[in-house]
Structure formats: structure tokens, C-alpha cells
Amino acid sequence: PEGWELLVQLRDDFRIIARSYAEQELPAQFICADSLQLD
């Protein structure tokens, strides 16, 4: 009623991010999130 709601799915997104590190063969012993930006 007041607009649009978006639920950012952290766990699903982390899986995508971990895959991205693996696909680009980046060292990823520990993966950290600095910030999120919504556009």
C-alpha cells in the first residue's frame, strides 16, 4: 500500500558471490562483504 517492498536475499546472493570468486579463480579463503548498494 505504501509503495514497493524488496527483500534482499543474503544467503542466495552469497552463493552467487562465492561462485564468482571460484569462476574467476580469485583467492577466497575468507569472503567478506564491505557494503551493499541498491540501484
Full PDB file with SEQRES, HELIX, SHEET, SSBOND, CRYST1, ORIGX, SCALE, CONECT and MASTER records, all heavy atoms in Angstrom:
SEQRES   1 A   39  PRO GLU GLY TRP GLU LEU LEU VAL GLN LEU ARG ASP ASP          
SEQRES   2 A   39  PHE ARG ILE ILE ALA ARG SER TYR ALA GLU GLN GLU LEU          
SEQRES   3 A   39  PRO ALA GLN PHE ILE CYS ALA ASP SER LEU GLN LEU ASP          
HELIX    1 AA1 LEU A   10  GLU A   23  1                                  14    
CRYST1    1.000    1.000    1.000  90.00  90.00  90.00 P 1           1          
ORIGX1      1.000000  0.000000  0.000000        0.00000                         
ORIGX2      0.000000  1.000000  0.000000        0.00000                         
ORIGX3      0.000000  0.000000  1.000000        0.00000                         
SCALE1      1.000000  0.000000  0.000000        0.00000                         
SCALE2      0.000000  1.000000  0.000000        0.00000                         
SCALE3      0.000000  0.000000  1.000000        0.00000                         
ATOM      1  N   PRO A   1       0.813  -1.229   0.000  1.00  0.00           N  
ATOM      2  CA  PRO A   1       0.000   0.000   0.000  1.00  0.00           C  
ATOM      3  C   PRO A   1       0.840   1.269   0.000  1.00  0.00           C  
ATOM      4  O   PRO A   1       0.466   2.283  -0.602  1.00  0.00           O  
ATOM      5  CB  PRO A   1      -0.821  -0.135   1.296  1.00  0.00           C  
ATOM      6  CG  PRO A   1      -0.889  -1.599   1.551  1.00  0.00           C  
ATOM      7  CD  PRO A   1       0.425  -2.155   1.067  1.00  0.00           C  
ATOM      8  N   GLU A   2       2.003   1.232   0.655  1.00  0.00           N  
ATOM      9  CA  GLU A   2       2.834   2.434   0.767  1.00  0.00           C  
ATOM     10  C   GLU A   2       3.914   2.533  -0.300  1.00  0.00           C  
ATOM     11  O   GLU A   2       4.685   3.479  -0.312  1.00  0.00           O  
ATOM     12  CB  GLU A   2       3.481   2.497   2.156  1.00  0.00           C  
ATOM     13  CG  GLU A   2       4.417   1.334   2.454  1.00  0.00           C  
ATOM     14  CD  GLU A   2       3.717   0.132   3.069  1.00  0.00           C  
ATOM     15  OE1 GLU A   2       2.568  -0.138   2.698  1.00  0.00           O  
ATOM     16  OE2 GLU A   2       4.335  -0.525   3.930  1.00  0.00           O  
ATOM     17  N   GLY A   3       3.967   1.543  -1.205  1.00  0.00           N  
ATOM     18  CA  GLY A   3       4.984   1.570  -2.257  1.00  0.00           C  
ATOM     19  C   GLY A   3       5.326   0.163  -2.714  1.00  0.00           C  
ATOM     20  O   GLY A   3       4.443  -0.658  -2.954  1.00  0.00           O  
ATOM     21  N   TRP A   4       6.619  -0.114  -2.851  1.00  0.00           N  
ATOM     22  CA  TRP A   4       7.104  -1.436  -3.249  1.00  0.00           C  
ATOM     23  C   TRP A   4       8.107  -1.920  -2.218  1.00  0.00           C  
ATOM     24  O   TRP A   4       8.945  -1.147  -1.741  1.00  0.00           O  
ATOM     25  CB  TRP A   4       7.782  -1.367  -4.630  1.00  0.00           C  
ATOM     26  CG  TRP A   4       6.844  -1.064  -5.749  1.00  0.00           C  
ATOM     27  CD1 TRP A   4       6.377   0.173  -6.120  1.00  0.00           C  
ATOM     28  CD2 TRP A   4       6.248  -2.003  -6.643  1.00  0.00           C  
ATOM     29  NE1 TRP A   4       5.523   0.060  -7.185  1.00  0.00           N  
ATOM     30  CE2 TRP A   4       5.435  -1.267  -7.541  1.00  0.00           C  
ATOM     31  CE3 TRP A   4       6.335  -3.385  -6.793  1.00  0.00           C  
ATOM     32  CZ2 TRP A   4       4.708  -1.865  -8.556  1.00  0.00           C  
ATOM     33  CZ3 TRP A   4       5.614  -3.997  -7.808  1.00  0.00           C  
ATOM     34  CH2 TRP A   4       4.806  -3.243  -8.674  1.00  0.00           C  
ATOM     35  N   GLU A   5       8.040  -3.208  -1.888  1.00  0.00           N  
ATOM     36  CA  GLU A   5       8.983  -3.782  -0.936  1.00  0.00           C  
ATOM     37  C   GLU A   5       9.893  -4.770  -1.653  1.00  0.00           C  
ATOM     38  O   GLU A   5       9.448  -5.580  -2.464  1.00  0.00           O  
ATOM     39  CB  GLU A   5       8.268  -4.499   0.201  1.00  0.00           C  
ATOM     40  CG  GLU A   5       9.232  -5.009   1.269  1.00  0.00           C  
ATOM     41  CD  GLU A   5       8.519  -5.745   2.389  1.00  0.00           C  
ATOM     42  OE1 GLU A   5       7.505  -6.421   2.109  1.00  0.00           O  
ATOM     43  OE2 GLU A   5       8.984  -5.653   3.535  1.00  0.00           O  
ATOM     44  N   LEU A   6      11.184  -4.690  -1.329  1.00  0.00           N  
ATOM     45  CA  LEU A   6      12.169  -5.616  -1.866  1.00  0.00           C  
ATOM     46  C   LEU A   6      12.835  -6.339  -0.708  1.00  0.00           C  
ATOM     47  O   LEU A   6      13.248  -5.713   0.268  1.00  0.00           O  
ATOM     48  CB  LEU A   6      13.223  -4.857  -2.673  1.00  0.00           C  
ATOM     49  CG  LEU A   6      14.362  -5.706  -3.255  1.00  0.00           C  
ATOM     50  CD1 LEU A   6      13.838  -6.607  -4.365  1.00  0.00           C  
ATOM     51  CD2 LEU A   6      15.483  -4.826  -3.772  1.00  0.00           C  
ATOM     52  N   LEU A   7      12.937  -7.664  -0.823  1.00  0.00           N  
ATOM     53  CA  LEU A   7      13.647  -8.458   0.170  1.00  0.00           C  
ATOM     54  C   LEU A   7      14.970  -8.914  -0.440  1.00  0.00           C  
ATOM     55  O   LEU A   7      14.992  -9.750  -1.348  1.00  0.00           O  
ATOM     56  CB  LEU A   7      12.806  -9.669   0.596  1.00  0.00           C  
ATOM     57  CG  LEU A   7      11.490  -9.350   1.312  1.00  0.00           C  
ATOM     58  CD1 LEU A   7      10.712 -10.627   1.588  1.00  0.00           C  
ATOM     59  CD2 LEU A   7      11.746  -8.587   2.615  1.00  0.00           C  
ATOM     60  N   VAL A   8      16.068  -8.358   0.052  1.00  0.00           N  
ATOM     61  CA  VAL A   8      17.385  -8.750  -0.429  1.00  0.00           C  
ATOM     62  C   VAL A   8      17.753 -10.074   0.234  1.00  0.00           C  
ATOM     63  O   VAL A   8      17.819 -10.176   1.458  1.00  0.00           O  
ATOM     64  CB  VAL A   8      18.432  -7.670  -0.101  1.00  0.00           C  
ATOM     65  CG1 VAL A   8      19.822  -8.100  -0.580  1.00  0.00           C  
ATOM     66  CG2 VAL A   8      18.042  -6.341  -0.751  1.00  0.00           C  
ATOM     67  N   GLN A   9      17.978 -11.091  -0.577  1.00  0.00           N  
ATOM     68  CA  GLN A   9      18.220 -12.446  -0.086  1.00  0.00           C  
ATOM     69  C   GLN A   9      19.727 -12.674   0.097  1.00  0.00           C  
ATOM     70  O   GLN A   9      20.445 -13.028  -0.834  1.00  0.00           O  
ATOM     71  CB  GLN A   9      17.647 -13.463  -1.068  1.00  0.00           C  
ATOM     72  CG  GLN A   9      16.164 -13.287  -1.349  1.00  0.00           C  
ATOM     73  CD  GLN A   9      15.300 -13.635  -0.143  1.00  0.00           C  
ATOM     74  OE1 GLN A   9      15.723 -14.399   0.732  1.00  0.00           O  
ATOM     75  NE2 GLN A   9      14.102 -13.067  -0.087  1.00  0.00           N  
ATOM     76  N   LEU A  10      20.200 -12.476   1.315  1.00  0.00           N  
ATOM     77  CA  LEU A  10      21.634 -12.529   1.578  1.00  0.00           C  
ATOM     78  C   LEU A  10      22.234 -13.908   1.286  1.00  0.00           C  
ATOM     79  O   LEU A  10      23.307 -14.006   0.692  1.00  0.00           O  
ATOM     80  CB  LEU A  10      21.915 -12.152   3.029  1.00  0.00           C  
ATOM     81  CG  LEU A  10      21.805 -10.662   3.392  1.00  0.00           C  
ATOM     82  CD1 LEU A  10      22.010 -10.484   4.893  1.00  0.00           C  
ATOM     83  CD2 LEU A  10      22.824  -9.842   2.629  1.00  0.00           C  
ATOM     84  N   ARG A  11      21.554 -14.973   1.710  1.00  0.00           N  
ATOM     85  CA  ARG A  11      22.154 -16.308   1.538  1.00  0.00           C  
ATOM     86  C   ARG A  11      22.241 -16.688   0.072  1.00  0.00           C  
ATOM     87  O   ARG A  11      23.279 -17.186  -0.389  1.00  0.00           O  
ATOM     88  CB  ARG A  11      21.347 -17.357   2.302  1.00  0.00           C  
ATOM     89  CG  ARG A  11      21.914 -18.781   2.147  1.00  0.00           C  
ATOM     90  CD  ARG A  11      21.243 -19.747   3.078  1.00  0.00           C  
ATOM     91  NE  ARG A  11      21.530 -19.437   4.479  1.00  0.00           N  
ATOM     92  CZ  ARG A  11      20.861 -19.962   5.508  1.00  0.00           C  
ATOM     93  NH1 ARG A  11      19.860 -20.789   5.286  1.00  0.00           N  
ATOM     94  NH2 ARG A  11      21.198 -19.640   6.743  1.00  0.00           N  
ATOM     95  N   ASP A  12      21.166 -16.456  -0.694  1.00  0.00           N  
ATOM     96  CA  ASP A  12      21.203 -16.761  -2.124  1.00  0.00           C  
ATOM     97  C   ASP A  12      22.286 -15.947  -2.821  1.00  0.00           C  
ATOM     98  O   ASP A  12      23.003 -16.453  -3.693  1.00  0.00           O  
ATOM     99  CB  ASP A  12      19.847 -16.481  -2.769  1.00  0.00           C  
ATOM    100  CG  ASP A  12      18.765 -17.442  -2.289  1.00  0.00           C  
ATOM    101  OD1 ASP A  12      19.121 -18.498  -1.716  1.00  0.00           O  
ATOM    102  OD2 ASP A  12      17.577 -17.134  -2.490  1.00  0.00           O  
ATOM    103  N   ASP A  13      22.406 -14.695  -2.426  1.00  0.00           N  
ATOM    104  CA  ASP A  13      23.403 -13.831  -3.062  1.00  0.00           C  
ATOM    105  C   ASP A  13      24.819 -14.262  -2.696  1.00  0.00           C  
ATOM    106  O   ASP A  13      25.734 -14.186  -3.533  1.00  0.00           O  
ATOM    107  CB  ASP A  13      23.168 -12.373  -2.668  1.00  0.00           C  
ATOM    108  CG  ASP A  13      21.867 -11.823  -3.244  1.00  0.00           C  
ATOM    109  OD1 ASP A  13      21.247 -12.516  -4.075  1.00  0.00           O  
ATOM    110  OD2 ASP A  13      21.459 -10.713  -2.848  1.00  0.00           O  
ATOM    111  N   PHE A  14      25.012 -14.721  -1.453  1.00  0.00           N  
ATOM    112  CA  PHE A  14      26.348 -15.186  -1.074  1.00  0.00           C  
ATOM    113  C   PHE A  14      26.770 -16.369  -1.944  1.00  0.00           C  
ATOM    114  O   PHE A  14      27.943 -16.465  -2.344  1.00  0.00           O  
ATOM    115  CB  PHE A  14      26.399 -15.592   0.397  1.00  0.00           C  
ATOM    116  CG  PHE A  14      27.709 -16.236   0.767  1.00  0.00           C  
ATOM    117  CD1 PHE A  14      28.848 -15.473   0.934  1.00  0.00           C  
ATOM    118  CD2 PHE A  14      27.811 -17.625   0.896  1.00  0.00           C  
ATOM    119  CE1 PHE A  14      30.068 -16.070   1.234  1.00  0.00           C  
ATOM    120  CE2 PHE A  14      29.024 -18.219   1.198  1.00  0.00           C  
ATOM    121  CZ  PHE A  14      30.153 -17.441   1.369  1.00  0.00           C  
ATOM    122  N   ARG A  15      25.865 -17.256  -2.252  1.00  0.00           N  
ATOM    123  CA  ARG A  15      26.210 -18.402  -3.101  1.00  0.00           C  
ATOM    124  C   ARG A  15      26.677 -17.915  -4.478  1.00  0.00           C  
ATOM    125  O   ARG A  15      27.626 -18.457  -5.052  1.00  0.00           O  
ATOM    126  CB  ARG A  15      25.003 -19.329  -3.239  1.00  0.00           C  
ATOM    127  CG  ARG A  15      24.598 -20.011  -1.929  1.00  0.00           C  
ATOM    128  CD  ARG A  15      23.518 -21.052  -2.182  1.00  0.00           C  
ATOM    129  NE  ARG A  15      23.086 -21.673  -0.932  1.00  0.00           N  
ATOM    130  CZ  ARG A  15      21.866 -21.573  -0.429  1.00  0.00           C  
ATOM    131  NH1 ARG A  15      20.936 -20.893  -1.081  1.00  0.00           N  
ATOM    132  NH2 ARG A  15      21.542 -22.178   0.704  1.00  0.00           N  
ATOM    133  N   ILE A  16      25.988 -16.909  -5.014  1.00  0.00           N  
ATOM    134  CA  ILE A  16      26.385 -16.346  -6.311  1.00  0.00           C  
ATOM    135  C   ILE A  16      27.775 -15.720  -6.209  1.00  0.00           C  
ATOM    136  O   ILE A  16      28.626 -15.887  -7.089  1.00  0.00           O  
ATOM    137  CB  ILE A  16      25.351 -15.309  -6.777  1.00  0.00           C  
ATOM    138  CG1 ILE A  16      24.005 -15.988  -7.057  1.00  0.00           C  
ATOM    139  CG2 ILE A  16      25.845 -14.572  -8.023  1.00  0.00           C  
ATOM    140  CD1 ILE A  16      22.875 -15.018  -7.347  1.00  0.00           C  
ATOM    141  N   ILE A  17      28.024 -15.011  -5.119  1.00  0.00           N  
ATOM    142  CA  ILE A  17      29.314 -14.333  -4.932  1.00  0.00           C  
ATOM    143  C   ILE A  17      30.438 -15.361  -4.794  1.00  0.00           C  
ATOM    144  O   ILE A  17      31.510 -15.220  -5.403  1.00  0.00           O  
ATOM    145  CB  ILE A  17      29.244 -13.417  -3.703  1.00  0.00           C  
ATOM    146  CG1 ILE A  17      28.301 -12.236  -3.996  1.00  0.00           C  
ATOM    147  CG2 ILE A  17      30.629 -12.913  -3.313  1.00  0.00           C  
ATOM    148  CD1 ILE A  17      27.886 -11.464  -2.761  1.00  0.00           C  
ATOM    149  N   ALA A  18      30.209 -16.405  -4.001  1.00  0.00           N  
ATOM    150  CA  ALA A  18      31.231 -17.443  -3.838  1.00  0.00           C  
ATOM    151  C   ALA A  18      31.544 -18.110  -5.172  1.00  0.00           C  
ATOM    152  O   ALA A  18      32.707 -18.397  -5.482  1.00  0.00           O  
ATOM    153  CB  ALA A  18      30.760 -18.476  -2.815  1.00  0.00           C  
ATOM    154  N   ARG A  19      30.499 -18.322  -5.984  1.00  0.00           N  
ATOM    155  CA  ARG A  19      30.706 -18.890  -7.320  1.00  0.00           C  
ATOM    156  C   ARG A  19      31.531 -17.957  -8.184  1.00  0.00           C  
ATOM    157  O   ARG A  19      32.368 -18.393  -8.971  1.00  0.00           O  
ATOM    158  CB  ARG A  19      29.343 -19.166  -7.982  1.00  0.00           C  
ATOM    159  CG  ARG A  19      29.078 -20.637  -8.164  1.00  0.00           C  
ATOM    160  CD  ARG A  19      27.862 -20.966  -8.977  1.00  0.00           C  
ATOM    161  NE  ARG A  19      26.890 -19.953  -9.238  1.00  0.00           N  
ATOM    162  CZ  ARG A  19      25.754 -19.819  -8.561  1.00  0.00           C  
ATOM    163  NH1 ARG A  19      25.484 -20.617  -7.548  1.00  0.00           N  
ATOM    164  NH2 ARG A  19      24.893 -18.878  -8.876  1.00  0.00           N  
ATOM    165  N   SER A  20      31.298 -16.669  -8.048  1.00  0.00           N  
ATOM    166  CA  SER A  20      32.025 -15.687  -8.857  1.00  0.00           C  
ATOM    167  C   SER A  20      33.509 -15.711  -8.523  1.00  0.00           C  
ATOM    168  O   SER A  20      34.361 -15.620  -9.415  1.00  0.00           O  
ATOM    169  CB  SER A  20      31.456 -14.283  -8.624  1.00  0.00           C  
ATOM    170  OG  SER A  20      30.101 -14.209  -9.037  1.00  0.00           O  
ATOM    171  N   TYR A  21      33.849 -15.828  -7.239  1.00  0.00           N  
ATOM    172  CA  TYR A  21      35.258 -15.930  -6.856  1.00  0.00           C  
ATOM    173  C   TYR A  21      35.885 -17.180  -7.471  1.00  0.00           C  
ATOM    174  O   TYR A  21      37.008 -17.146  -7.990  1.00  0.00           O  
ATOM    175  CB  TYR A  21      35.394 -15.976  -5.333  1.00  0.00           C  
ATOM    176  CG  TYR A  21      35.494 -14.618  -4.686  1.00  0.00           C  
ATOM    177  CD1 TYR A  21      34.352 -13.906  -4.338  1.00  0.00           C  
ATOM    178  CD2 TYR A  21      36.732 -14.036  -4.418  1.00  0.00           C  
ATOM    179  CE1 TYR A  21      34.431 -12.658  -3.742  1.00  0.00           C  
ATOM    180  CE2 TYR A  21      36.828 -12.790  -3.818  1.00  0.00           C  
ATOM    181  CZ  TYR A  21      35.668 -12.096  -3.486  1.00  0.00           C  
ATOM    182  OH  TYR A  21      35.756 -10.856  -2.906  1.00  0.00           O  
ATOM    183  N   ALA A  22      35.142 -18.298  -7.418  1.00  0.00           N  
ATOM    184  CA  ALA A  22      35.677 -19.551  -7.948  1.00  0.00           C  
ATOM    185  C   ALA A  22      35.841 -19.481  -9.465  1.00  0.00           C  
ATOM    186  O   ALA A  22      36.869 -19.919 -10.013  1.00  0.00           O  
ATOM    187  CB  ALA A  22      34.756 -20.707  -7.566  1.00  0.00           C  
ATOM    188  N   GLU A  23      34.849 -18.927 -10.156  1.00  0.00           N  
ATOM    189  CA  GLU A  23      34.916 -18.861 -11.614  1.00  0.00           C  
ATOM    190  C   GLU A  23      36.051 -17.972 -12.086  1.00  0.00           C  
ATOM    191  O   GLU A  23      36.651 -18.215 -13.138  1.00  0.00           O  
ATOM    192  CB  GLU A  23      33.582 -18.364 -12.166  1.00  0.00           C  
ATOM    193  CG  GLU A  23      32.444 -19.376 -12.022  1.00  0.00           C  
ATOM    194  CD  GLU A  23      31.085 -18.766 -12.323  1.00  0.00           C  
ATOM    195  OE1 GLU A  23      31.022 -17.526 -12.538  1.00  0.00           O  
ATOM    196  OE2 GLU A  23      30.092 -19.519 -12.332  1.00  0.00           O  
ATOM    197  N   GLN A  24      36.361 -16.925 -11.325  1.00  0.00           N  
ATOM    198  CA  GLN A  24      37.447 -16.025 -11.697  1.00  0.00           C  
ATOM    199  C   GLN A  24      38.783 -16.438 -11.076  1.00  0.00           C  
ATOM    200  O   GLN A  24      39.773 -15.721 -11.219  1.00  0.00           O  
ATOM    201  CB  GLN A  24      37.095 -14.592 -11.300  1.00  0.00           C  
ATOM    202  CG  GLN A  24      35.847 -14.071 -12.000  1.00  0.00           C  
ATOM    203  CD  GLN A  24      35.602 -12.596 -11.743  1.00  0.00           C  
ATOM    204  OE1 GLN A  24      36.540 -11.808 -11.716  1.00  0.00           O  
ATOM    205  NE2 GLN A  24      34.348 -12.222 -11.564  1.00  0.00           N  
ATOM    206  N   GLU A  25      38.758 -17.588 -10.373  1.00  0.00           N  
ATOM    207  CA  GLU A  25      39.973 -18.145  -9.766  1.00  0.00           C  
ATOM    208  C   GLU A  25      40.665 -17.126  -8.857  1.00  0.00           C  
ATOM    209  O   GLU A  25      41.895 -16.975  -8.864  1.00  0.00           O  
ATOM    210  CB  GLU A  25      40.933 -18.657 -10.848  1.00  0.00           C  
ATOM    211  CG  GLU A  25      40.329 -19.774 -11.702  1.00  0.00           C  
ATOM    212  CD  GLU A  25      41.298 -20.301 -12.751  1.00  0.00           C  
ATOM    213  OE1 GLU A  25      42.338 -19.661 -12.974  1.00  0.00           O  
ATOM    214  OE2 GLU A  25      40.995 -21.349 -13.342  1.00  0.00           O  
ATOM    215  N   LEU A  26      39.867 -16.436  -8.055  1.00  0.00           N  
ATOM    216  CA  LEU A  26      40.400 -15.474  -7.098  1.00  0.00           C  
ATOM    217  C   LEU A  26      40.624 -16.164  -5.755  1.00  0.00           C  
ATOM    218  O   LEU A  26      39.829 -17.027  -5.350  1.00  0.00           O  
ATOM    219  CB  LEU A  26      39.420 -14.305  -6.918  1.00  0.00           C  
ATOM    220  CG  LEU A  26      39.162 -13.443  -8.158  1.00  0.00           C  
ATOM    221  CD1 LEU A  26      38.061 -12.437  -7.883  1.00  0.00           C  
ATOM    222  CD2 LEU A  26      40.439 -12.719  -8.582  1.00  0.00           C  
ATOM    223  N   PRO A  27      41.689 -15.802  -5.051  1.00  0.00           N  
ATOM    224  CA  PRO A  27      41.900 -16.385  -3.719  1.00  0.00           C  
ATOM    225  C   PRO A  27      40.783 -15.958  -2.779  1.00  0.00           C  
ATOM    226  O   PRO A  27      40.489 -14.769  -2.648  1.00  0.00           O  
ATOM    227  CB  PRO A  27      43.257 -15.812  -3.301  1.00  0.00           C  
ATOM    228  CG  PRO A  27      43.423 -14.569  -4.120  1.00  0.00           C  
ATOM    229  CD  PRO A  27      42.736 -14.831  -5.422  1.00  0.00           C  
ATOM    230  N   ALA A  28      40.146 -16.933  -2.139  1.00  0.00           N  
ATOM    231  CA  ALA A  28      38.964 -16.614  -1.341  1.00  0.00           C  
ATOM    232  C   ALA A  28      38.902 -17.487  -0.103  1.00  0.00           C  
ATOM    233  O   ALA A  28      37.933 -18.214   0.118  1.00  0.00           O  
ATOM    234  CB  ALA A  28      37.704 -16.767  -2.182  1.00  0.00           C  
ATOM    235  N   GLN A  29      39.939 -17.427   0.726  1.00  0.00           N  
ATOM    236  CA  GLN A  29      39.931 -18.204   1.961  1.00  0.00           C  
ATOM    237  C   GLN A  29      38.810 -17.729   2.882  1.00  0.00           C  
ATOM    238  O   GLN A  29      38.096 -18.531   3.480  1.00  0.00           O  
ATOM    239  CB  GLN A  29      41.284 -18.094   2.660  1.00  0.00           C  
ATOM    240  CG  GLN A  29      41.454 -19.076   3.807  1.00  0.00           C  
ATOM    241  CD  GLN A  29      42.895 -19.133   4.281  1.00  0.00           C  
ATOM    242  OE1 GLN A  29      43.750 -18.390   3.800  1.00  0.00           O  
ATOM    243  NE2 GLN A  29      43.178 -20.011   5.236  1.00  0.00           N  
ATOM    244  N   PHE A  30      38.681 -16.406   2.972  1.00  0.00           N  
ATOM    245  CA  PHE A  30      37.567 -15.813   3.711  1.00  0.00           C  
ATOM    246  C   PHE A  30      36.942 -14.743   2.804  1.00  0.00           C  
ATOM    247  O   PHE A  30      37.668 -13.908   2.257  1.00  0.00           O  
ATOM    248  CB  PHE A  30      38.032 -15.179   5.021  1.00  0.00           C  
ATOM    249  CG  PHE A  30      38.747 -16.126   5.930  1.00  0.00           C  
ATOM    250  CD1 PHE A  30      40.130 -16.059   6.068  1.00  0.00           C  
ATOM    251  CD2 PHE A  30      38.046 -17.086   6.637  1.00  0.00           C  
ATOM    252  CE1 PHE A  30      40.805 -16.937   6.907  1.00  0.00           C  
ATOM    253  CE2 PHE A  30      38.715 -17.972   7.474  1.00  0.00           C  
ATOM    254  CZ  PHE A  30      40.094 -17.903   7.611  1.00  0.00           C  
ATOM    255  N   ILE A  31      35.622 -14.764   2.675  1.00  0.00           N  
ATOM    256  CA  ILE A  31      34.928 -13.784   1.843  1.00  0.00           C  
ATOM    257  C   ILE A  31      34.156 -12.831   2.746  1.00  0.00           C  
ATOM    258  O   ILE A  31      33.353 -13.258   3.587  1.00  0.00           O  
ATOM    259  CB  ILE A  31      33.962 -14.468   0.851  1.00  0.00           C  
ATOM    260  CG1 ILE A  31      34.745 -15.379  -0.099  1.00  0.00           C  
ATOM    261  CG2 ILE A  31      33.186 -13.416   0.055  1.00  0.00           C  
ATOM    262  CD1 ILE A  31      33.859 -16.134  -1.082  1.00  0.00           C  
ATOM    263  N   CYS A  32      34.401 -11.549   2.567  1.00  0.00           N  
ATOM    264  CA  CYS A  32      33.805 -10.517   3.411  1.00  0.00           C  
ATOM    265  C   CYS A  32      32.965  -9.573   2.556  1.00  0.00           C  
ATOM    266  O   CYS A  32      33.263  -9.353   1.373  1.00  0.00           O  
ATOM    267  CB  CYS A  32      34.897  -9.702   4.117  1.00  0.00           C  
ATOM    268  SG  CYS A  32      36.229 -10.708   4.827  1.00  0.00           S  
ATOM    269  N   ALA A  33      31.936  -9.003   3.163  1.00  0.00           N  
ATOM    270  CA  ALA A  33      31.102  -8.005   2.484  1.00  0.00           C  
ATOM    271  C   ALA A  33      31.382  -6.642   3.092  1.00  0.00           C  
ATOM    272  O   ALA A  33      31.223  -6.452   4.309  1.00  0.00           O  
ATOM    273  CB  ALA A  33      29.627  -8.356   2.602  1.00  0.00           C  
ATOM    274  N   ASP A  34      31.812  -5.706   2.267  1.00  0.00           N  
ATOM    275  CA  ASP A  34      32.100  -4.357   2.745  1.00  0.00           C  
ATOM    276  C   ASP A  34      30.829  -3.527   2.798  1.00  0.00           C  
ATOM    277  O   ASP A  34      30.538  -2.873   3.790  1.00  0.00           O  
ATOM    278  CB  ASP A  34      33.142  -3.706   1.838  1.00  0.00           C  
ATOM    279  CG  ASP A  34      33.476  -2.300   2.281  1.00  0.00           C  
ATOM    280  OD1 ASP A  34      33.748  -2.124   3.483  1.00  0.00           O  
ATOM    281  OD2 ASP A  34      33.436  -1.378   1.451  1.00  0.00           O  
ATOM    282  N   SER A  35      30.045  -3.551   1.701  1.00  0.00           N  
ATOM    283  CA  SER A  35      28.809  -2.775   1.664  1.00  0.00           C  
ATOM    284  C   SER A  35      27.921  -3.303   0.558  1.00  0.00           C  
ATOM    285  O   SER A  35      28.357  -4.047  -0.325  1.00  0.00           O  
ATOM    286  CB  SER A  35      29.101  -1.282   1.435  1.00  0.00           C  
ATOM    287  OG  SER A  35      29.683  -1.085   0.157  1.00  0.00           O  
ATOM    288  N   LEU A  36      26.662  -2.902   0.624  1.00  0.00           N  
ATOM    289  CA  LEU A  36      25.692  -3.201  -0.427  1.00  0.00           C  
ATOM    290  C   LEU A  36      25.188  -1.883  -1.000  1.00  0.00           C  
ATOM    291  O   LEU A  36      25.011  -0.901  -0.246  1.00  0.00           O  
ATOM    292  CB  LEU A  36      24.494  -3.980   0.124  1.00  0.00           C  
ATOM    293  CG  LEU A  36      24.615  -5.501   0.262  1.00  0.00           C  
ATOM    294  CD1 LEU A  36      25.670  -5.864   1.300  1.00  0.00           C  
ATOM    295  CD2 LEU A  36      23.264  -6.095   0.638  1.00  0.00           C  
ATOM    296  N   GLN A  37      24.975  -1.844  -2.301  1.00  0.00           N  
ATOM    297  CA  GLN A  37      24.371  -0.677  -2.933  1.00  0.00           C  
ATOM    298  C   GLN A  37      23.172  -1.121  -3.751  1.00  0.00           C  
ATOM    299  O   GLN A  37      23.282  -2.002  -4.603  1.00  0.00           O  
ATOM    300  CB  GLN A  37      25.358   0.054  -3.845  1.00  0.00           C  
ATOM    301  CG  GLN A  37      24.733   1.259  -4.566  1.00  0.00           C  
ATOM    302  CD  GLN A  37      25.737   2.080  -5.320  1.00  0.00           C  
ATOM    303  OE1 GLN A  37      26.785   2.444  -4.789  1.00  0.00           O  
ATOM    304  NE2 GLN A  37      25.439   2.384  -6.574  1.00  0.00           N  
ATOM    305  N   LEU A  38      22.036  -0.512  -3.480  1.00  0.00           N  
ATOM    306  CA  LEU A  38      20.818  -0.784  -4.236  1.00  0.00           C  
ATOM    307  C   LEU A  38      20.591   0.352  -5.219  1.00  0.00           C  
ATOM    308  O   LEU A  38      20.559   1.521  -4.830  1.00  0.00           O  
ATOM    309  CB  LEU A  38      19.627  -0.897  -3.282  1.00  0.00           C  
ATOM    310  CG  LEU A  38      18.238  -0.961  -3.922  1.00  0.00           C  
ATOM    311  CD1 LEU A  38      18.076  -2.217  -4.771  1.00  0.00           C  
ATOM    312  CD2 LEU A  38      17.151  -0.883  -2.850  1.00  0.00           C  
ATOM    313  N   ASP A  39      20.466   0.016  -6.510  1.00  0.00           N  
ATOM    314  CA  ASP A  39      20.169   0.987  -7.556  1.00  0.00           C  
ATOM    315  C   ASP A  39      18.799   0.668  -8.139  1.00  0.00           C  
ATOM    316  O   ASP A  39      18.589  -0.423  -8.690  1.00  0.00           O  
ATOM    317  CB  ASP A  39      21.219   0.939  -8.668  1.00  0.00           C  
ATOM    318  CG  ASP A  39      22.596   1.377  -8.188  1.00  0.00           C  
ATOM    319  OD1 ASP A  39      22.677   2.443  -7.554  1.00  0.00           O  
ATOM    320  OD2 ASP A  39      23.572   0.653  -8.445  1.00  0.00           O  
TER     321      ASP A  39                                                      
MASTER        0    0    0    1    0    0    0    6  320    1    0    3          
END                                                                             
